Amino acid sequence: EVKATGICHTDEFTLSGADPEGIFPAILGHEGAGIVVDVGKGVTSVRKGDHVIPLYTPECRQCPSCLSRKTNLCTAIRATQGQGLMPDGTSRFSLGGEKLFHYMGCSTFSNFTVLPEIAVAKVNPDAPFDKICYIGCGVTTGIGAVINTAKVEQGATAVVFGLGGIGLNVIQGLRLAGADMIIGVDVNNDKKAWGEKFGMTHFVNPKEIDG
C-alpha cells in the first residue's frame, strides 16, 4: 500500500511523451513509501506489515554486475522492468480489462502497487512516509553522485549549482564525504537556510554579484 509518493522530473518527462523509453498506458511514479500488505510465495526479506520503500535500481547481489560492485547495472530484472512488466513477463495492473504497464518497476502513483522482492527495502517503521518516499531517487541520486561518481575526497572544496532536491542531497553527500568547503549557488535566497541545514558552508546568489 503506497502511503506517500514524490513527483520527480523523470515522471514529468515520461508523461510529456518525450521519453523514448516511455510505454503507455502506464502508472507512473518511482519515489514512494508504504506498507507491505501481502507477499508472494518464497519471499523472505520482507513480510506483511513492514514499512518499505521501492527501489527502481534494485540489486540482486548475485549477477556479475552486482558482484563487481556495479550494482546500478544489476541485470536480474532489467529486461522486463524496461518493458513495464514484472519479472515473469506479466503486468499486475489493469483498467477496464486493458493492461496497464508498470513504470520503472515501481508505479507509486497508485494506492497499491506490486514489486519484485529485490525492488523493496525495509525501513524504520518510525520514519515518516512523506519524508522517506524521497530516498529512492532524489537522495540516492545526489549522494551517489558525490560518493560513487565524483569520488569526492576528505578536505575537498566543491560548488553545487542549484539547491533543489538533488542539489541539497549533493550537499549532504559532500558533508558525508568530508568536504571542507561546500559552496551553494542559487538565485533564490530562501535556499540558503536549506543549504546550511544540509551542510553548506557558503552561499552565492549570482544575481547579487556585480561585474
N, C-alpha and C. Protein backbone atom coordinates (compact mmCIF):
# COMPACT_ATOMS: atom_id res chain seq x y z
N GLU A 1 0.84 -1.19 0.00
CA GLU A 1 0.00 0.00 0.00
C GLU A 1 0.88 1.24 0.00
N VAL A 2 0.72 2.09 -0.99
CA VAL A 2 1.52 3.30 -1.10
C VAL A 2 0.94 4.36 -0.17
N LYS A 3 1.77 4.83 0.77
CA LYS A 3 1.33 5.84 1.73
C LYS A 3 1.76 7.25 1.34
N ALA A 4 2.84 7.35 0.59
CA ALA A 4 3.31 8.67 0.14
C ALA A 4 4.16 8.48 -1.12
N THR A 5 4.15 9.48 -1.97
CA THR A 5 4.98 9.42 -3.18
C THR A 5 5.49 10.80 -3.53
N GLY A 6 6.67 10.85 -4.11
CA GLY A 6 7.20 12.10 -4.62
C GLY A 6 6.94 12.18 -6.11
N ILE A 7 7.08 13.39 -6.65
CA ILE A 7 6.96 13.59 -8.09
C ILE A 7 8.31 14.04 -8.60
N CYS A 8 8.91 13.24 -9.45
CA CYS A 8 10.24 13.52 -9.99
C CYS A 8 10.11 14.09 -11.40
N HIS A 9 11.12 14.85 -11.81
CA HIS A 9 11.12 15.38 -13.18
C HIS A 9 11.08 14.25 -14.20
N THR A 10 11.62 13.10 -13.85
CA THR A 10 11.58 11.97 -14.77
C THR A 10 10.15 11.54 -15.05
N ASP A 11 9.30 11.59 -14.04
CA ASP A 11 7.88 11.27 -14.24
C ASP A 11 7.26 12.25 -15.24
N GLU A 12 7.56 13.52 -15.06
CA GLU A 12 7.03 14.55 -15.96
C GLU A 12 7.56 14.37 -17.37
N PHE A 13 8.84 13.99 -17.47
CA PHE A 13 9.47 13.79 -18.77
C PHE A 13 8.79 12.65 -19.52
N THR A 14 8.52 11.56 -18.82
CA THR A 14 7.83 10.44 -19.46
C THR A 14 6.41 10.82 -19.83
N LEU A 15 5.72 11.51 -18.94
CA LEU A 15 4.34 11.92 -19.20
C LEU A 15 4.24 12.84 -20.41
N SER A 16 5.29 13.64 -20.65
CA SER A 16 5.28 14.58 -21.77
C SER A 16 5.30 13.88 -23.13
N GLY A 17 5.71 12.62 -23.14
CA GLY A 17 5.83 11.89 -24.39
C GLY A 17 7.20 11.97 -25.01
N ALA A 18 8.09 12.76 -24.39
CA ALA A 18 9.44 12.94 -24.94
C ALA A 18 10.40 11.82 -24.56
N ASP A 19 10.01 11.01 -23.60
CA ASP A 19 10.87 9.91 -23.14
C ASP A 19 10.84 8.78 -24.17
N PRO A 20 11.96 8.50 -24.83
CA PRO A 20 11.96 7.44 -25.85
C PRO A 20 11.70 6.05 -25.28
N GLU A 21 11.86 5.90 -23.97
CA GLU A 21 11.62 4.60 -23.35
C GLU A 21 10.25 4.53 -22.68
N GLY A 22 9.47 5.59 -22.80
CA GLY A 22 8.15 5.62 -22.18
C GLY A 22 7.19 4.64 -22.84
N ILE A 23 6.46 3.89 -22.03
CA ILE A 23 5.48 2.92 -22.52
C ILE A 23 4.12 3.27 -21.92
N PHE A 24 3.11 3.34 -22.75
CA PHE A 24 1.76 3.68 -22.27
C PHE A 24 0.76 2.62 -22.73
N PRO A 25 -0.36 2.50 -22.02
CA PRO A 25 -0.73 3.19 -20.78
C PRO A 25 0.03 2.62 -19.58
N ALA A 26 0.43 3.48 -18.67
CA ALA A 26 1.22 3.05 -17.53
C ALA A 26 0.85 3.86 -16.29
N ILE A 27 1.19 3.32 -15.15
CA ILE A 27 1.05 4.04 -13.88
C ILE A 27 2.43 4.55 -13.51
N LEU A 28 2.61 5.85 -13.55
CA LEU A 28 3.92 6.45 -13.30
C LEU A 28 4.23 6.50 -11.80
N GLY A 29 5.37 7.13 -11.48
CA GLY A 29 5.80 7.28 -10.10
C GLY A 29 6.86 6.27 -9.70
N HIS A 30 7.96 6.78 -9.12
CA HIS A 30 9.02 5.87 -8.68
C HIS A 30 9.65 6.28 -7.35
N GLU A 31 9.15 7.35 -6.74
CA GLU A 31 9.60 7.74 -5.40
C GLU A 31 8.44 7.46 -4.45
N GLY A 32 8.56 6.47 -3.60
CA GLY A 32 7.43 6.13 -2.76
C GLY A 32 7.81 5.54 -1.42
N ALA A 33 6.80 5.33 -0.60
CA ALA A 33 6.96 4.67 0.69
C ALA A 33 5.62 4.08 1.07
N GLY A 34 5.64 2.93 1.72
CA GLY A 34 4.37 2.31 2.07
C GLY A 34 4.52 1.13 3.00
N ILE A 35 3.47 0.33 3.06
CA ILE A 35 3.40 -0.82 3.95
C ILE A 35 3.11 -2.08 3.15
N VAL A 36 3.82 -3.15 3.45
CA VAL A 36 3.58 -4.43 2.79
C VAL A 36 2.24 -5.00 3.26
N VAL A 37 1.34 -5.25 2.33
CA VAL A 37 0.04 -5.83 2.69
C VAL A 37 -0.03 -7.32 2.39
N ASP A 38 0.88 -7.80 1.56
CA ASP A 38 0.93 -9.23 1.26
C ASP A 38 2.23 -9.54 0.54
N VAL A 39 2.67 -10.78 0.60
CA VAL A 39 3.89 -11.20 -0.09
C VAL A 39 3.62 -12.48 -0.86
N GLY A 40 4.41 -12.68 -1.90
CA GLY A 40 4.28 -13.88 -2.71
C GLY A 40 5.03 -15.05 -2.13
N LYS A 41 4.85 -16.19 -2.74
CA LYS A 41 5.50 -17.42 -2.30
C LYS A 41 7.02 -17.29 -2.40
N GLY A 42 7.70 -17.67 -1.34
CA GLY A 42 9.16 -17.65 -1.35
C GLY A 42 9.79 -16.35 -0.91
N VAL A 43 9.00 -15.31 -0.67
CA VAL A 43 9.55 -14.02 -0.23
C VAL A 43 9.97 -14.12 1.23
N THR A 44 11.21 -13.75 1.52
CA THR A 44 11.73 -13.88 2.89
C THR A 44 12.27 -12.58 3.48
N SER A 45 12.61 -11.61 2.63
CA SER A 45 13.27 -10.40 3.14
C SER A 45 12.29 -9.40 3.75
N VAL A 46 11.02 -9.47 3.39
CA VAL A 46 10.00 -8.60 3.98
C VAL A 46 8.76 -9.44 4.29
N ARG A 47 7.93 -8.92 5.16
CA ARG A 47 6.69 -9.62 5.48
C ARG A 47 5.57 -8.61 5.69
N LYS A 48 4.37 -9.10 5.79
CA LYS A 48 3.19 -8.27 5.94
C LYS A 48 3.35 -7.33 7.14
N GLY A 49 3.08 -6.04 6.90
CA GLY A 49 3.19 -5.04 7.95
C GLY A 49 4.48 -4.25 7.93
N ASP A 50 5.50 -4.73 7.21
CA ASP A 50 6.77 -4.00 7.13
C ASP A 50 6.59 -2.67 6.40
N HIS A 51 7.33 -1.67 6.85
CA HIS A 51 7.38 -0.39 6.14
C HIS A 51 8.53 -0.48 5.14
N VAL A 52 8.27 -0.07 3.91
CA VAL A 52 9.27 -0.24 2.85
C VAL A 52 9.28 0.95 1.90
N ILE A 53 10.36 1.04 1.13
CA ILE A 53 10.42 1.97 0.01
C ILE A 53 10.75 1.17 -1.25
N PRO A 54 10.25 1.60 -2.41
CA PRO A 54 10.56 0.89 -3.66
C PRO A 54 11.93 1.30 -4.19
N LEU A 55 12.56 0.40 -4.91
CA LEU A 55 13.88 0.66 -5.50
C LEU A 55 13.80 0.49 -7.00
N TYR A 56 13.97 1.57 -7.74
CA TYR A 56 13.90 1.44 -9.19
C TYR A 56 15.20 0.94 -9.79
N THR A 57 16.27 0.93 -9.01
CA THR A 57 17.52 0.30 -9.43
C THR A 57 17.88 -0.75 -8.37
N PRO A 58 17.17 -1.88 -8.36
CA PRO A 58 17.38 -2.89 -7.32
C PRO A 58 18.67 -3.66 -7.52
N GLU A 59 19.07 -4.39 -6.48
CA GLU A 59 20.29 -5.18 -6.51
C GLU A 59 19.97 -6.62 -6.13
N CYS A 60 20.29 -7.55 -7.03
CA CYS A 60 20.07 -8.97 -6.70
C CYS A 60 21.21 -9.53 -5.87
N ARG A 61 22.38 -8.86 -5.95
CA ARG A 61 23.60 -9.25 -5.22
C ARG A 61 24.16 -10.59 -5.69
N GLN A 62 23.76 -11.03 -6.87
CA GLN A 62 24.23 -12.32 -7.38
C GLN A 62 24.75 -12.26 -8.81
N CYS A 63 24.25 -11.32 -9.62
CA CYS A 63 24.66 -11.24 -11.02
C CYS A 63 26.07 -10.67 -11.14
N PRO A 64 26.71 -10.80 -12.30
CA PRO A 64 28.08 -10.28 -12.48
C PRO A 64 28.21 -8.79 -12.14
N SER A 65 27.20 -8.00 -12.49
CA SER A 65 27.27 -6.57 -12.19
C SER A 65 27.29 -6.32 -10.69
N CYS A 66 26.40 -6.99 -9.96
CA CYS A 66 26.35 -6.81 -8.51
C CYS A 66 27.63 -7.30 -7.85
N LEU A 67 28.16 -8.41 -8.31
CA LEU A 67 29.37 -8.97 -7.71
C LEU A 67 30.61 -8.16 -8.03
N SER A 68 30.53 -7.28 -9.03
CA SER A 68 31.68 -6.43 -9.38
C SER A 68 31.48 -5.01 -8.86
N ARG A 69 30.53 -4.84 -7.93
CA ARG A 69 30.23 -3.56 -7.27
C ARG A 69 29.53 -2.57 -8.19
N LYS A 70 29.16 -2.98 -9.39
CA LYS A 70 28.40 -2.12 -10.29
C LYS A 70 26.91 -2.45 -10.14
N THR A 71 26.44 -2.31 -8.92
CA THR A 71 25.09 -2.75 -8.60
C THR A 71 24.01 -1.96 -9.34
N ASN A 72 24.35 -0.75 -9.78
CA ASN A 72 23.37 0.04 -10.54
C ASN A 72 23.08 -0.57 -11.91
N LEU A 73 23.90 -1.53 -12.31
CA LEU A 73 23.71 -2.20 -13.60
C LEU A 73 23.16 -3.62 -13.42
N CYS A 74 22.59 -3.90 -12.26
CA CYS A 74 22.04 -5.23 -11.98
C CYS A 74 21.16 -5.70 -13.13
N THR A 75 21.40 -6.92 -13.57
CA THR A 75 20.68 -7.45 -14.74
C THR A 75 19.52 -8.38 -14.37
N ALA A 76 19.28 -8.58 -13.08
CA ALA A 76 18.29 -9.57 -12.65
C ALA A 76 16.91 -9.34 -13.23
N ILE A 77 16.44 -8.09 -13.20
CA ILE A 77 15.08 -7.81 -13.70
C ILE A 77 15.07 -6.67 -14.71
N ARG A 78 16.25 -6.27 -15.15
CA ARG A 78 16.33 -5.09 -16.02
C ARG A 78 15.52 -5.25 -17.31
N ALA A 79 15.58 -6.41 -17.94
CA ALA A 79 14.92 -6.60 -19.23
C ALA A 79 13.41 -6.43 -19.13
N THR A 80 12.80 -7.08 -18.16
CA THR A 80 11.34 -6.97 -18.02
C THR A 80 10.93 -5.62 -17.45
N GLN A 81 11.75 -5.08 -16.56
CA GLN A 81 11.42 -3.77 -15.99
C GLN A 81 11.34 -2.72 -17.09
N GLY A 82 12.27 -2.78 -18.03
CA GLY A 82 12.27 -1.83 -19.14
C GLY A 82 11.08 -1.98 -20.07
N GLN A 83 10.43 -3.13 -19.99
CA GLN A 83 9.23 -3.38 -20.80
C GLN A 83 7.95 -3.06 -20.03
N GLY A 84 8.11 -2.55 -18.81
CA GLY A 84 6.94 -2.22 -18.00
C GLY A 84 6.26 -3.44 -17.42
N LEU A 85 7.04 -4.51 -17.19
CA LEU A 85 6.46 -5.77 -16.74
C LEU A 85 7.17 -6.30 -15.50
N MET A 86 6.52 -7.23 -14.81
CA MET A 86 7.12 -7.93 -13.69
C MET A 86 8.13 -8.95 -14.23
N PRO A 87 8.99 -9.51 -13.38
CA PRO A 87 10.00 -10.47 -13.85
C PRO A 87 9.42 -11.66 -14.60
N ASP A 88 8.16 -12.02 -14.31
CA ASP A 88 7.56 -13.16 -15.01
C ASP A 88 6.93 -12.77 -16.34
N GLY A 89 7.13 -11.50 -16.74
CA GLY A 89 6.62 -11.04 -18.03
C GLY A 89 5.18 -10.59 -18.04
N THR A 90 4.58 -10.46 -16.86
CA THR A 90 3.19 -10.03 -16.78
C THR A 90 3.07 -8.67 -16.11
N SER A 91 1.91 -8.05 -16.27
CA SER A 91 1.59 -6.82 -15.55
C SER A 91 0.55 -7.13 -14.49
N ARG A 92 0.64 -6.46 -13.35
CA ARG A 92 -0.33 -6.68 -12.28
C ARG A 92 -1.39 -5.57 -12.26
N PHE A 93 -1.36 -4.70 -13.26
CA PHE A 93 -2.32 -3.60 -13.32
C PHE A 93 -3.23 -3.74 -14.53
N SER A 94 -4.48 -3.33 -14.37
CA SER A 94 -5.40 -3.29 -15.50
C SER A 94 -6.51 -2.29 -15.20
N LEU A 95 -7.14 -1.80 -16.24
CA LEU A 95 -8.26 -0.86 -16.11
C LEU A 95 -9.27 -1.19 -17.19
N GLY A 96 -10.46 -1.57 -16.78
CA GLY A 96 -11.49 -1.93 -17.74
C GLY A 96 -11.09 -3.08 -18.63
N GLY A 97 -10.30 -3.97 -18.10
CA GLY A 97 -9.85 -5.12 -18.87
C GLY A 97 -8.63 -4.87 -19.72
N GLU A 98 -8.14 -3.62 -19.75
CA GLU A 98 -6.94 -3.29 -20.53
C GLU A 98 -5.71 -3.30 -19.64
N LYS A 99 -4.64 -3.92 -20.13
CA LYS A 99 -3.40 -3.99 -19.38
C LYS A 99 -2.76 -2.62 -19.23
N LEU A 100 -2.31 -2.30 -18.02
CA LEU A 100 -1.53 -1.10 -17.75
C LEU A 100 -0.11 -1.53 -17.42
N PHE A 101 0.86 -0.77 -17.89
CA PHE A 101 2.25 -1.12 -17.66
C PHE A 101 2.78 -0.56 -16.35
N HIS A 102 3.73 -1.27 -15.77
CA HIS A 102 4.46 -0.77 -14.60
C HIS A 102 5.44 0.30 -15.08
N TYR A 103 5.90 1.14 -14.15
CA TYR A 103 6.84 2.21 -14.51
C TYR A 103 8.07 2.15 -13.62
N MET A 104 9.21 1.95 -14.22
CA MET A 104 10.49 1.88 -13.51
C MET A 104 10.42 0.84 -12.38
N GLY A 105 9.56 -0.14 -12.56
CA GLY A 105 9.42 -1.20 -11.57
C GLY A 105 8.76 -0.77 -10.29
N CYS A 106 8.16 0.43 -10.26
CA CYS A 106 7.63 0.97 -9.01
C CYS A 106 6.14 1.33 -9.07
N SER A 107 5.77 2.23 -10.00
CA SER A 107 4.37 2.67 -10.15
C SER A 107 3.77 3.13 -8.82
N THR A 108 4.31 4.21 -8.28
CA THR A 108 3.86 4.70 -6.98
C THR A 108 2.68 5.67 -7.05
N PHE A 109 2.26 6.05 -8.27
CA PHE A 109 1.08 6.91 -8.38
C PHE A 109 -0.19 6.05 -8.35
N SER A 110 -0.27 5.22 -7.34
CA SER A 110 -1.39 4.29 -7.18
C SER A 110 -1.55 4.01 -5.70
N ASN A 111 -2.76 3.70 -5.27
CA ASN A 111 -2.97 3.37 -3.86
C ASN A 111 -2.25 2.08 -3.48
N PHE A 112 -2.15 1.17 -4.43
CA PHE A 112 -1.46 -0.10 -4.20
C PHE A 112 -0.57 -0.40 -5.41
N THR A 113 0.55 -1.05 -5.16
CA THR A 113 1.44 -1.44 -6.25
C THR A 113 2.02 -2.82 -5.95
N VAL A 114 2.60 -3.44 -6.94
CA VAL A 114 3.23 -4.76 -6.79
C VAL A 114 4.66 -4.67 -7.30
N LEU A 115 5.61 -5.15 -6.49
CA LEU A 115 7.01 -5.07 -6.85
C LEU A 115 7.71 -6.40 -6.64
N PRO A 116 8.80 -6.65 -7.39
CA PRO A 116 9.63 -7.83 -7.12
C PRO A 116 10.27 -7.70 -5.74
N GLU A 117 10.60 -8.80 -5.12
CA GLU A 117 11.18 -8.76 -3.78
C GLU A 117 12.44 -7.91 -3.70
N ILE A 118 13.30 -8.02 -4.73
CA ILE A 118 14.56 -7.26 -4.67
C ILE A 118 14.35 -5.77 -4.88
N ALA A 119 13.14 -5.37 -5.24
CA ALA A 119 12.87 -3.96 -5.52
C ALA A 119 12.20 -3.24 -4.36
N VAL A 120 12.26 -3.82 -3.16
CA VAL A 120 11.76 -3.13 -1.97
C VAL A 120 12.81 -3.21 -0.88
N ALA A 121 12.89 -2.16 -0.08
CA ALA A 121 13.84 -2.13 1.03
C ALA A 121 13.08 -1.81 2.31
N LYS A 122 13.31 -2.60 3.32
CA LYS A 122 12.66 -2.39 4.61
C LYS A 122 13.25 -1.16 5.30
N VAL A 123 12.39 -0.35 5.91
CA VAL A 123 12.84 0.88 6.57
C VAL A 123 12.31 0.92 8.00
N ASN A 124 12.83 1.86 8.76
CA ASN A 124 12.41 2.06 10.15
C ASN A 124 10.93 2.43 10.19
N PRO A 125 10.11 1.70 10.93
CA PRO A 125 8.67 2.00 10.98
C PRO A 125 8.34 3.35 11.59
N ASP A 126 9.30 3.95 12.28
CA ASP A 126 9.06 5.27 12.88
C ASP A 126 9.31 6.40 11.89
N ALA A 127 9.92 6.09 10.76
CA ALA A 127 10.23 7.13 9.76
C ALA A 127 8.96 7.58 9.05
N PRO A 128 8.75 8.90 8.92
CA PRO A 128 7.53 9.41 8.27
C PRO A 128 7.52 9.13 6.78
N PHE A 129 6.40 8.61 6.30
CA PHE A 129 6.28 8.24 4.89
C PHE A 129 6.54 9.42 3.95
N ASP A 130 6.04 10.60 4.33
CA ASP A 130 6.17 11.75 3.43
C ASP A 130 7.59 12.29 3.36
N LYS A 131 8.48 11.77 4.18
CA LYS A 131 9.89 12.15 4.12
C LYS A 131 10.71 11.06 3.43
N ILE A 132 10.49 9.82 3.81
CA ILE A 132 11.33 8.74 3.27
C ILE A 132 10.97 8.36 1.84
N CYS A 133 9.82 8.83 1.35
CA CYS A 133 9.46 8.50 -0.04
C CYS A 133 10.47 9.08 -1.02
N TYR A 134 11.24 10.07 -0.58
CA TYR A 134 12.20 10.73 -1.46
C TYR A 134 13.53 9.98 -1.55
N ILE A 135 13.76 9.07 -0.63
CA ILE A 135 15.06 8.39 -0.57
C ILE A 135 15.38 7.62 -1.85
N GLY A 136 14.38 6.95 -2.41
CA GLY A 136 14.61 6.06 -3.53
C GLY A 136 15.17 6.69 -4.79
N CYS A 137 15.04 8.01 -4.94
CA CYS A 137 15.58 8.67 -6.14
C CYS A 137 16.39 9.91 -5.79
N GLY A 138 15.74 10.93 -5.24
CA GLY A 138 16.42 12.20 -5.01
C GLY A 138 17.62 12.11 -4.09
N VAL A 139 17.47 11.39 -2.99
CA VAL A 139 18.56 11.27 -2.03
C VAL A 139 19.71 10.45 -2.61
N THR A 140 19.38 9.30 -3.17
CA THR A 140 20.42 8.43 -3.71
C THR A 140 21.12 9.04 -4.92
N THR A 141 20.38 9.80 -5.72
CA THR A 141 21.00 10.45 -6.88
C THR A 141 22.01 11.49 -6.44
N GLY A 142 21.63 12.33 -5.47
CA GLY A 142 22.52 13.38 -5.00
C GLY A 142 23.74 12.84 -4.28
N ILE A 143 23.52 11.98 -3.31
CA ILE A 143 24.63 11.43 -2.54
C ILE A 143 25.49 10.51 -3.41
N GLY A 144 24.84 9.72 -4.25
CA GLY A 144 25.59 8.81 -5.12
C GLY A 144 26.50 9.54 -6.09
N ALA A 145 26.06 10.71 -6.56
CA ALA A 145 26.88 11.49 -7.48
C ALA A 145 28.19 11.92 -6.82
N VAL A 146 28.12 12.18 -5.53
CA VAL A 146 29.30 12.61 -4.78
C VAL A 146 30.21 11.42 -4.45
N ILE A 147 29.62 10.40 -3.86
CA ILE A 147 30.40 9.27 -3.35
C ILE A 147 30.88 8.35 -4.47
N ASN A 148 29.99 8.00 -5.39
CA ASN A 148 30.32 6.99 -6.40
C ASN A 148 30.83 7.53 -7.72
N THR A 149 30.30 8.68 -8.15
CA THR A 149 30.69 9.22 -9.46
C THR A 149 31.87 10.18 -9.34
N ALA A 150 31.71 11.24 -8.54
CA ALA A 150 32.79 12.22 -8.39
C ALA A 150 33.89 11.72 -7.47
N LYS A 151 33.54 10.80 -6.57
CA LYS A 151 34.51 10.25 -5.60
C LYS A 151 35.23 11.38 -4.86
N VAL A 152 34.43 12.27 -4.30
CA VAL A 152 34.97 13.42 -3.56
C VAL A 152 35.76 12.95 -2.35
N GLU A 153 36.93 13.57 -2.15
CA GLU A 153 37.80 13.17 -1.05
C GLU A 153 37.67 14.11 0.14
N GLN A 154 38.08 13.63 1.29
CA GLN A 154 38.03 14.43 2.50
C GLN A 154 38.89 15.68 2.34
N GLY A 155 38.36 16.81 2.80
CA GLY A 155 39.09 18.07 2.71
C GLY A 155 38.87 18.81 1.41
N ALA A 156 38.06 18.28 0.52
CA ALA A 156 37.84 18.89 -0.80
C ALA A 156 37.00 20.16 -0.70
N THR A 157 37.07 20.95 -1.78
CA THR A 157 36.20 22.12 -1.96
C THR A 157 35.29 21.83 -3.13
N ALA A 158 34.01 22.12 -2.98
CA ALA A 158 33.05 21.81 -4.04
C ALA A 158 32.03 22.92 -4.19
N VAL A 159 31.54 23.08 -5.42
CA VAL A 159 30.49 24.07 -5.71
C VAL A 159 29.28 23.32 -6.24
N VAL A 160 28.12 23.64 -5.70
CA VAL A 160 26.87 22.99 -6.11
C VAL A 160 25.96 24.05 -6.73
N PHE A 161 25.66 23.89 -8.01
CA PHE A 161 24.80 24.83 -8.72
C PHE A 161 23.35 24.34 -8.68
N GLY A 162 22.50 25.11 -8.02
CA GLY A 162 21.09 24.75 -7.91
C GLY A 162 20.82 23.96 -6.64
N LEU A 163 20.02 24.53 -5.74
CA LEU A 163 19.78 23.88 -4.46
C LEU A 163 18.35 23.35 -4.35
N GLY A 164 17.94 22.62 -5.38
CA GLY A 164 16.68 21.91 -5.32
C GLY A 164 16.88 20.61 -4.57
N GLY A 165 15.98 19.66 -4.75
CA GLY A 165 16.07 18.40 -4.02
C GLY A 165 17.36 17.65 -4.27
N ILE A 166 17.78 17.57 -5.52
CA ILE A 166 19.02 16.86 -5.86
C ILE A 166 20.22 17.63 -5.31
N GLY A 167 20.25 18.94 -5.54
CA GLY A 167 21.37 19.76 -5.09
C GLY A 167 21.58 19.68 -3.59
N LEU A 168 20.49 19.71 -2.83
CA LEU A 168 20.61 19.62 -1.38
C LEU A 168 21.20 18.29 -0.95
N ASN A 169 20.87 17.24 -1.68
CA ASN A 169 21.43 15.94 -1.33
C ASN A 169 22.85 15.77 -1.83
N VAL A 170 23.23 16.54 -2.85
CA VAL A 170 24.65 16.61 -3.22
C VAL A 170 25.42 17.24 -2.06
N ILE A 171 24.86 18.30 -1.49
CA ILE A 171 25.50 18.94 -0.34
C ILE A 171 25.62 17.95 0.81
N GLN A 172 24.56 17.21 1.06
CA GLN A 172 24.60 16.21 2.13
C GLN A 172 25.68 15.17 1.86
N GLY A 173 25.80 14.75 0.60
CA GLY A 173 26.83 13.80 0.24
C GLY A 173 28.23 14.36 0.45
N LEU A 174 28.41 15.64 0.11
CA LEU A 174 29.70 16.29 0.30
C LEU A 174 30.07 16.35 1.78
N ARG A 175 29.08 16.63 2.60
CA ARG A 175 29.34 16.65 4.05
C ARG A 175 29.74 15.27 4.53
N LEU A 176 29.04 14.25 4.07
CA LEU A 176 29.36 12.88 4.47
C LEU A 176 30.75 12.46 3.99
N ALA A 177 31.16 13.00 2.82
CA ALA A 177 32.47 12.67 2.26
C ALA A 177 33.60 13.43 2.95
N GLY A 178 33.25 14.43 3.76
CA GLY A 178 34.26 15.18 4.49
C GLY A 178 34.79 16.40 3.78
N ALA A 179 34.04 16.94 2.81
CA ALA A 179 34.47 18.16 2.12
C ALA A 179 34.55 19.31 3.12
N ASP A 180 35.59 20.15 2.99
CA ASP A 180 35.79 21.27 3.91
C ASP A 180 34.94 22.48 3.54
N MET A 181 34.95 22.83 2.25
CA MET A 181 34.21 24.00 1.79
C MET A 181 33.15 23.55 0.79
N ILE A 182 31.89 23.83 1.12
CA ILE A 182 30.77 23.45 0.26
C ILE A 182 30.01 24.72 -0.11
N ILE A 183 30.16 25.14 -1.36
CA ILE A 183 29.58 26.39 -1.82
C ILE A 183 28.31 26.10 -2.61
N GLY A 184 27.20 26.67 -2.16
CA GLY A 184 25.94 26.51 -2.85
C GLY A 184 25.62 27.74 -3.68
N VAL A 185 25.15 27.54 -4.90
CA VAL A 185 24.83 28.64 -5.80
C VAL A 185 23.37 28.53 -6.22
N ASP A 186 22.59 29.60 -5.96
CA ASP A 186 21.18 29.59 -6.34
C ASP A 186 20.68 31.03 -6.40
N VAL A 187 19.72 31.29 -7.28
CA VAL A 187 19.16 32.65 -7.41
C VAL A 187 18.04 32.89 -6.41
N ASN A 188 17.70 31.89 -5.63
CA ASN A 188 16.65 32.01 -4.62
C ASN A 188 17.30 32.05 -3.24
N ASN A 189 17.25 33.20 -2.59
CA ASN A 189 17.89 33.34 -1.28
C ASN A 189 17.26 32.47 -0.20
N ASP A 190 16.03 32.04 -0.42
CA ASP A 190 15.38 31.16 0.55
C ASP A 190 16.08 29.81 0.65
N LYS A 191 16.86 29.48 -0.38
CA LYS A 191 17.57 28.20 -0.38
C LYS A 191 18.79 28.20 0.54
N LYS A 192 19.21 29.39 0.97
CA LYS A 192 20.40 29.48 1.81
C LYS A 192 20.21 28.70 3.12
N ALA A 193 19.09 28.93 3.78
CA ALA A 193 18.84 28.26 5.05
C ALA A 193 18.76 26.74 4.87
N TRP A 194 18.12 26.33 3.77
CA TRP A 194 18.03 24.89 3.50
C TRP A 194 19.41 24.30 3.25
N GLY A 195 20.21 25.00 2.48
CA GLY A 195 21.55 24.51 2.19
C GLY A 195 22.38 24.35 3.44
N GLU A 196 22.25 25.30 4.35
CA GLU A 196 23.01 25.23 5.60
C GLU A 196 22.56 24.06 6.47
N LYS A 197 21.28 23.74 6.43
CA LYS A 197 20.79 22.58 7.18
C LYS A 197 21.43 21.29 6.70
N PHE A 198 21.73 21.24 5.40
CA PHE A 198 22.29 20.02 4.82
C PHE A 198 23.81 19.98 4.87
N GLY A 199 24.45 21.10 5.26
CA GLY A 199 25.90 21.09 5.39
C GLY A 199 26.65 22.11 4.56
N MET A 200 25.94 22.98 3.83
CA MET A 200 26.59 24.01 3.02
C MET A 200 27.34 25.00 3.92
N THR A 201 28.53 25.41 3.50
CA THR A 201 29.32 26.36 4.29
C THR A 201 29.27 27.78 3.73
N HIS A 202 29.03 27.94 2.43
CA HIS A 202 28.97 29.26 1.82
C HIS A 202 27.84 29.30 0.80
N PHE A 203 27.26 30.48 0.60
CA PHE A 203 26.14 30.63 -0.34
C PHE A 203 26.40 31.81 -1.26
N VAL A 204 26.09 31.63 -2.54
CA VAL A 204 26.25 32.69 -3.53
C VAL A 204 24.98 32.80 -4.36
N ASN A 205 24.46 34.04 -4.47
CA ASN A 205 23.35 34.33 -5.37
C ASN A 205 23.92 35.11 -6.54
N PRO A 206 24.01 34.52 -7.72
CA PRO A 206 24.63 35.19 -8.88
C PRO A 206 23.99 36.53 -9.22
N LYS A 207 22.71 36.69 -8.90
CA LYS A 207 22.02 37.94 -9.21
C LYS A 207 22.49 39.10 -8.33
N GLU A 208 23.16 38.78 -7.25
CA GLU A 208 23.61 39.81 -6.32
C GLU A 208 25.09 40.12 -6.46
N ILE A 209 25.70 39.60 -7.52
CA ILE A 209 27.12 39.83 -7.77
C ILE A 209 27.29 40.83 -8.91
N ASP A 210 28.03 41.88 -8.67
CA ASP A 210 28.30 42.88 -9.71
C ASP A 210 29.55 42.49 -10.50
N GLY A 211 29.53 42.88 -11.80
CA GLY A 211 30.71 42.65 -12.63
C GLY A 211 30.71 41.31 -13.31
